[in-house]
Amino acid sequence: MELKINQQIKHFNAESLSVQSLLDLEIPNKQNGIAVAVNNTVVPKLNWNQHLVQETDEILIISATQGG
């Protein structure tokens, strides 16, 4: 499966991935304070386990930062 994650093309050896599975592969230790959008639509954290990503989807992972 080919996905575009934060403007980078990545390949995965899976036919099906949920948003949560994808995050477990990409950022296993940094999942607090992030938001995920698939094809410019925000996926609520409650739906990460059910929302399946598709071949060629564009995923944006945004981390909250502190500062002023």
PDB file of N, CA and C in Angstrom:
ATOM      1  N   MET A   1       0.853  -1.171   0.000  1.00  0.00           N
ATOM      2  CA  MET A   1       0.000   0.000   0.000  1.00  0.00           C
ATOM      3  C   MET A   1       0.900   1.234   0.000  1.00  0.00           C
ATOM      4  N   GLU A   2       0.555   2.189  -0.839  1.00  0.00           N
ATOM      5  CA  GLU A   2       1.293   3.442  -0.915  1.00  0.00           C
ATOM      6  C   GLU A   2       0.444   4.569  -0.327  1.00  0.00           C
ATOM      7  N   LEU A   3       1.017   5.285   0.633  1.00  0.00           N
ATOM      8  CA  LEU A   3       0.330   6.399   1.278  1.00  0.00           C
ATOM      9  C   LEU A   3       1.240   7.616   1.273  1.00  0.00           C
ATOM     10  N   LYS A   4       0.636   8.775   1.224  1.00  0.00           N
ATOM     11  CA  LYS A   4       1.390  10.021   1.333  1.00  0.00           C
ATOM     12  C   LYS A   4       1.156  10.554   2.738  1.00  0.00           C
ATOM     13  N   ILE A   5       2.215  10.542   3.541  1.00  0.00           N
ATOM     14  CA  ILE A   5       2.117  10.960   4.935  1.00  0.00           C
ATOM     15  C   ILE A   5       2.986  12.198   5.119  1.00  0.00           C
ATOM     16  N   ASN A   6       2.352  13.306   5.493  1.00  0.00           N
ATOM     17  CA  ASN A   6       3.063  14.579   5.676  1.00  0.00           C
ATOM     18  C   ASN A   6       3.967  14.886   4.477  1.00  0.00           C
ATOM     19  N   GLN A   7       3.391  14.749   3.302  1.00  0.00           N
ATOM     20  CA  GLN A   7       4.038  15.081   2.029  1.00  0.00           C
ATOM     21  C   GLN A   7       5.147  14.108   1.612  1.00  0.00           C
ATOM     22  N   GLN A   8       5.256  12.962   2.264  1.00  0.00           N
ATOM     23  CA  GLN A   8       6.243  11.955   1.888  1.00  0.00           C
ATOM     24  C   GLN A   8       5.532  10.659   1.520  1.00  0.00           C
ATOM     25  N   ILE A   9       5.942  10.069   0.406  1.00  0.00           N
ATOM     26  CA  ILE A   9       5.378   8.792  -0.026  1.00  0.00           C
ATOM     27  C   ILE A   9       5.993   7.675   0.810  1.00  0.00           C
ATOM     28  N   LYS A  10       5.129   6.825   1.372  1.00  0.00           N
ATOM     29  CA  LYS A  10       5.599   5.687   2.155  1.00  0.00           C
ATOM     30  C   LYS A  10       4.863   4.442   1.692  1.00  0.00           C
ATOM     31  N   HIS A  11       5.544   3.300   1.792  1.00  0.00           N
ATOM     32  CA  HIS A  11       4.973   2.023   1.375  1.00  0.00           C
ATOM     33  C   HIS A  11       4.814   1.113   2.592  1.00  0.00           C
ATOM     34  N   PHE A  12       3.698   0.396   2.628  1.00  0.00           N
ATOM     35  CA  PHE A  12       3.399  -0.514   3.729  1.00  0.00           C
ATOM     36  C   PHE A  12       3.010  -1.876   3.166  1.00  0.00           C
ATOM     37  N   ASN A  13       3.451  -2.925   3.834  1.00  0.00           N
ATOM     38  CA  ASN A  13       3.112  -4.288   3.427  1.00  0.00           C
ATOM     39  C   ASN A  13       1.809  -4.716   4.084  1.00  0.00           C
ATOM     40  N   ALA A  14       0.740  -4.056   3.704  1.00  0.00           N
ATOM     41  CA  ALA A  14      -0.574  -4.374   4.260  1.00  0.00           C
ATOM     42  C   ALA A  14      -1.631  -4.017   3.230  1.00  0.00           C
ATOM     43  N   GLU A  15      -2.687  -4.812   3.200  1.00  0.00           N
ATOM     44  CA  GLU A  15      -3.796  -4.507   2.310  1.00  0.00           C
ATOM     45  C   GLU A  15      -4.761  -3.525   2.955  1.00  0.00           C
ATOM     46  N   SER A  16      -4.769  -3.525   4.291  1.00  0.00           N
ATOM     47  CA  SER A  16      -5.707  -2.684   5.017  1.00  0.00           C
ATOM     48  C   SER A  16      -5.035  -2.188   6.291  1.00  0.00           C
ATOM     49  N   LEU A  17      -5.188  -0.893   6.562  1.00  0.00           N
ATOM     50  CA  LEU A  17      -4.653  -0.296   7.784  1.00  0.00           C
ATOM     51  C   LEU A  17      -5.667   0.678   8.342  1.00  0.00           C
ATOM     52  N   SER A  18      -5.866   0.613   9.642  1.00  0.00           N
ATOM     53  CA  SER A  18      -6.669   1.647  10.283  1.00  0.00           C
ATOM     54  C   SER A  18      -5.740   2.820  10.593  1.00  0.00           C
ATOM     55  N   VAL A  19      -6.326   3.961  10.882  1.00  0.00           N
ATOM     56  CA  VAL A  19      -5.517   5.113  11.274  1.00  0.00           C
ATOM     57  C   VAL A  19      -4.674   4.746  12.495  1.00  0.00           C
ATOM     58  N   GLN A  20      -5.273   4.046  13.466  1.00  0.00           N
ATOM     59  CA  GLN A  20      -4.533   3.665  14.674  1.00  0.00           C
ATOM     60  C   GLN A  20      -3.369   2.739  14.338  1.00  0.00           C
ATOM     61  N   SER A  21      -3.574   1.769  13.469  1.00  0.00           N
ATOM     62  CA  SER A  21      -2.492   0.863  13.064  1.00  0.00           C
ATOM     63  C   SER A  21      -1.374   1.623  12.377  1.00  0.00           C
ATOM     64  N   LEU A  22      -1.739   2.572  11.555  1.00  0.00           N
ATOM     65  CA  LEU A  22      -0.753   3.392  10.876  1.00  0.00           C
ATOM     66  C   LEU A  22       0.071   4.198  11.881  1.00  0.00           C
ATOM     67  N   LEU A  23      -0.604   4.804  12.847  1.00  0.00           N
ATOM     68  CA  LEU A  23       0.101   5.569  13.876  1.00  0.00           C
ATOM     69  C   LEU A  23       0.998   4.667  14.714  1.00  0.00           C
ATOM     70  N   ASP A  24       0.551   3.453  14.996  1.00  0.00           N
ATOM     71  CA  ASP A  24       1.380   2.510  15.752  1.00  0.00           C
ATOM     72  C   ASP A  24       2.666   2.185  15.006  1.00  0.00           C
ATOM     73  N   LEU A  25       2.607   2.164  13.689  1.00  0.00           N
ATOM     74  CA  LEU A  25       3.804   1.910  12.881  1.00  0.00           C
ATOM     75  C   LEU A  25       4.682   3.151  12.754  1.00  0.00           C
ATOM     76  N   GLU A  26       4.072   4.287  12.550  1.00  0.00           N
ATOM     77  CA  GLU A  26       4.811   5.524  12.277  1.00  0.00           C
ATOM     78  C   GLU A  26       5.336   6.235  13.520  1.00  0.00           C
ATOM     79  N   ILE A  27       4.498   6.365  14.527  1.00  0.00           N
ATOM     80  CA  ILE A  27       4.896   7.094  15.737  1.00  0.00           C
ATOM     81  C   ILE A  27       4.384   6.355  16.978  1.00  0.00           C
ATOM     82  N   PRO A  28       4.947   5.200  17.272  1.00  0.00           N
ATOM     83  CA  PRO A  28       4.404   4.370  18.357  1.00  0.00           C
ATOM     84  C   PRO A  28       4.462   5.026  19.739  1.00  0.00           C
ATOM     85  N   ASN A  29       5.390   5.938  19.966  1.00  0.00           N
ATOM     86  CA  ASN A  29       5.556   6.504  21.307  1.00  0.00           C
ATOM     87  C   ASN A  29       5.124   7.957  21.432  1.00  0.00           C
ATOM     88  N   LYS A  30       4.524   8.516  20.390  1.00  0.00           N
ATOM     89  CA  LYS A  30       4.183   9.940  20.416  1.00  0.00           C
ATOM     90  C   LYS A  30       2.751  10.183  19.948  1.00  0.00           C
ATOM     91  N   GLN A  31       1.786   9.495  20.519  1.00  0.00           N
ATOM     92  CA  GLN A  31       0.419   9.610  20.032  1.00  0.00           C
ATOM     93  C   GLN A  31      -0.459  10.537  20.856  1.00  0.00           C
ATOM     94  N   ASN A  32       0.078  11.153  21.884  1.00  0.00           N
ATOM     95  CA  ASN A  32      -0.687  12.138  22.643  1.00  0.00           C
ATOM     96  C   ASN A  32      -0.512  13.508  22.011  1.00  0.00           C
ATOM     97  N   GLY A  33      -1.573  14.280  21.983  1.00  0.00           N
ATOM     98  CA  GLY A  33      -1.487  15.634  21.467  1.00  0.00           C
ATOM     99  C   GLY A  33      -1.327  15.719  19.962  1.00  0.00           C
ATOM    100  N   ILE A  34      -1.870  14.743  19.235  1.00  0.00           N
ATOM    101  CA  ILE A  34      -1.801  14.806  17.775  1.00  0.00           C
ATOM    102  C   ILE A  34      -3.199  14.808  17.173  1.00  0.00           C
ATOM    103  N   ALA A  35      -3.252  15.278  15.952  1.00  0.00           N
ATOM    104  CA  ALA A  35      -4.484  15.239  15.159  1.00  0.00           C
ATOM    105  C   ALA A  35      -4.134  14.591  13.829  1.00  0.00           C
ATOM    106  N   VAL A  36      -5.111  13.913  13.252  1.00  0.00           N
ATOM    107  CA  VAL A  36      -4.898  13.218  11.982  1.00  0.00           C
ATOM    108  C   VAL A  36      -5.989  13.627  10.998  1.00  0.00           C
ATOM    109  N   ALA A  37      -5.551  13.943   9.786  1.00  0.00           N
ATOM    110  CA  ALA A  37      -6.485  14.221   8.695  1.00  0.00           C
ATOM    111  C   ALA A  37      -6.188  13.255   7.550  1.00  0.00           C
ATOM    112  N   VAL A  38      -7.235  12.710   6.973  1.00  0.00           N
ATOM    113  CA  VAL A  38      -7.111  11.838   5.807  1.00  0.00           C
ATOM    114  C   VAL A  38      -7.830  12.528   4.663  1.00  0.00           C
ATOM    115  N   ASN A  39      -7.084  12.819   3.606  1.00  0.00           N
ATOM    116  CA  ASN A  39      -7.631  13.526   2.446  1.00  0.00           C
ATOM    117  C   ASN A  39      -8.340  14.820   2.864  1.00  0.00           C
ATOM    118  N   ASN A  40      -7.667  15.588   3.704  1.00  0.00           N
ATOM    119  CA  ASN A  40      -8.132  16.903   4.169  1.00  0.00           C
ATOM    120  C   ASN A  40      -9.359  16.859   5.071  1.00  0.00           C
ATOM    121  N   THR A  41      -9.676  15.695   5.634  1.00  0.00           N
ATOM    122  CA  THR A  41     -10.784  15.566   6.572  1.00  0.00           C
ATOM    123  C   THR A  41     -10.242  15.037   7.894  1.00  0.00           C
ATOM    124  N   VAL A  42     -10.465  15.784   8.969  1.00  0.00           N
ATOM    125  CA  VAL A  42      -9.982  15.366  10.286  1.00  0.00           C
ATOM    126  C   VAL A  42     -10.716  14.103  10.721  1.00  0.00           C
ATOM    127  N   VAL A  43      -9.948  13.142  11.220  1.00  0.00           N
ATOM    128  CA  VAL A  43     -10.523  11.906  11.754  1.00  0.00           C
ATOM    129  C   VAL A  43     -10.470  12.014  13.281  1.00  0.00           C
ATOM    130  N   PRO A  44     -11.626  12.058  13.952  1.00  0.00           N
ATOM    131  CA  PRO A  44     -11.628  12.144  15.412  1.00  0.00           C
ATOM    132  C   PRO A  44     -10.920  10.939  16.041  1.00  0.00           C
ATOM    133  N   LYS A  45     -10.234  11.181  17.148  1.00  0.00           N
ATOM    134  CA  LYS A  45      -9.484  10.114  17.813  1.00  0.00           C
ATOM    135  C   LYS A  45     -10.371   8.907  18.132  1.00  0.00           C
ATOM    136  N   LEU A  46     -11.627   9.138  18.447  1.00  0.00           N
ATOM    137  CA  LEU A  46     -12.543   8.029  18.738  1.00  0.00           C
ATOM    138  C   LEU A  46     -12.725   7.098  17.542  1.00  0.00           C
ATOM    139  N   ASN A  47     -12.452   7.586  16.326  1.00  0.00           N
ATOM    140  CA  ASN A  47     -12.661   6.791  15.106  1.00  0.00           C
ATOM    141  C   ASN A  47     -11.372   6.201  14.537  1.00  0.00           C
ATOM    142  N   TRP A  48     -10.247   6.415  15.190  1.00  0.00           N
ATOM    143  CA  TRP A  48      -8.977   5.941  14.642  1.00  0.00           C
ATOM    144  C   TRP A  48      -8.948   4.436  14.413  1.00  0.00           C
ATOM    145  N   ASN A  49      -9.548   3.660  15.306  1.00  0.00           N
ATOM    146  CA  ASN A  49      -9.524   2.199  15.145  1.00  0.00           C
ATOM    147  C   ASN A  49     -10.417   1.722  14.008  1.00  0.00           C
ATOM    148  N   GLN A  50     -11.480   2.448  13.704  1.00  0.00           N
ATOM    149  CA  GLN A  50     -12.426   2.024  12.681  1.00  0.00           C
ATOM    150  C   GLN A  50     -12.139   2.610  11.297  1.00  0.00           C
ATOM    151  N   HIS A  51     -11.491   3.773  11.245  1.00  0.00           N
ATOM    152  CA  HIS A  51     -11.274   4.455   9.965  1.00  0.00           C
ATOM    153  C   HIS A  51     -10.129   3.779   9.210  1.00  0.00           C
ATOM    154  N   LEU A  52     -10.444   3.167   8.085  1.00  0.00           N
ATOM    155  CA  LEU A  52      -9.430   2.502   7.269  1.00  0.00           C
ATOM    156  C   LEU A  52      -8.885   3.458   6.224  1.00  0.00           C
ATOM    157  N   VAL A  53      -7.569   3.444   6.073  1.00  0.00           N
ATOM    158  CA  VAL A  53      -6.957   4.252   5.020  1.00  0.00           C
ATOM    159  C   VAL A  53      -6.897   3.412   3.749  1.00  0.00           C
ATOM    160  N   GLN A  54      -6.948   4.100   2.629  1.00  0.00           N
ATOM    161  CA  GLN A  54      -6.970   3.448   1.331  1.00  0.00           C
ATOM    162  C   GLN A  54      -5.697   3.778   0.554  1.00  0.00           C
ATOM    163  N   GLU A  55      -5.386   2.940  -0.408  1.00  0.00           N
ATOM    164  CA  GLU A  55      -4.243   3.176  -1.299  1.00  0.00           C
ATOM    165  C   GLU A  55      -4.280   4.605  -1.829  1.00  0.00           C
ATOM    166  N   THR A  56      -3.162   5.267  -1.808  1.00  0.00           N
ATOM    167  CA  THR A  56      -2.931   6.642  -2.297  1.00  0.00           C
ATOM    168  C   THR A  56      -3.599   7.727  -1.451  1.00  0.00           C
ATOM    169  N   ASP A  57      -4.121   7.397  -0.263  1.00  0.00           N
ATOM    170  CA  ASP A  57      -4.658   8.443   0.618  1.00  0.00           C
ATOM    171  C   ASP A  57      -3.541   9.402   1.018  1.00  0.00           C
ATOM    172  N   GLU A  58      -3.931  10.637   1.273  1.00  0.00           N
ATOM    173  CA  GLU A  58      -2.995  11.637   1.787  1.00  0.00           C
ATOM    174  C   GLU A  58      -3.319  11.857   3.257  1.00  0.00           C
ATOM    175  N   ILE A  59      -2.331  11.583   4.104  1.00  0.00           N
ATOM    176  CA  ILE A  59      -2.525  11.667   5.547  1.00  0.00           C
ATOM    177  C   ILE A  59      -1.645  12.781   6.102  1.00  0.00           C
ATOM    178  N   LEU A  60      -2.233  13.575   6.965  1.00  0.00           N
ATOM    179  CA  LEU A  60      -1.509  14.638   7.638  1.00  0.00           C
ATOM    180  C   LEU A  60      -1.567  14.362   9.134  1.00  0.00           C
ATOM    181  N   ILE A  61      -0.389  14.260   9.754  1.00  0.00           N
ATOM    182  CA  ILE A  61      -0.291  14.048  11.196  1.00  0.00           C
ATOM    183  C   ILE A  61       0.289  15.325  11.787  1.00  0.00           C
ATOM    184  N   ILE A  62      -0.473  15.942  12.677  1.00  0.00           N
ATOM    185  CA  ILE A  62      -0.085  17.223  13.262  1.00  0.00           C
ATOM    186  C   ILE A  62       0.124  17.036  14.754  1.00  0.00           C
ATOM    187  N   SER A  63       1.271  17.507  15.261  1.00  0.00           N
ATOM    188  CA  SER A  63       1.558  17.468  16.690  1.00  0.00           C
ATOM    189  C   SER A  63       1.336  18.825  17.305  1.00  0.00           C
ATOM    190  N   ALA A  64       0.702  18.826  18.463  1.00  0.00           N
ATOM    191  CA  ALA A  64       0.544  20.078  19.209  1.00  0.00           C
ATOM    192  C   ALA A  64       1.894  20.461  19.805  1.00  0.00           C
ATOM    193  N   THR A  65       2.176  21.758  19.810  1.00  0.00           N
ATOM    194  CA  THR A  65       3.418  22.231  20.408  1.00  0.00           C
ATOM    195  C   THR A  65       3.100  23.292  21.431  1.00  0.00           C
ATOM    196  N   GLN A  66       4.017  23.460  22.360  1.00  0.00           N
ATOM    197  CA  GLN A  66       3.853  24.501  23.368  1.00  0.00           C
ATOM    198  C   GLN A  66       4.704  25.697  22.982  1.00  0.00           C
ATOM    199  N   GLY A  67       4.291  26.829  23.430  1.00  0.00           N
ATOM    200  CA  GLY A  67       5.076  28.027  23.162  1.00  0.00           C
ATOM    201  C   GLY A  67       4.176  29.249  23.193  1.00  0.00           C
ATOM    202  N   GLY A  68       4.776  30.359  23.000  1.00  0.00           N
ATOM    203  CA  GLY A  68       3.980  31.574  23.082  1.00  0.00           C
ATOM    204  C   GLY A  68       4.423  32.595  22.168  1.00  0.00           C
TER     205      GLY A  68
END
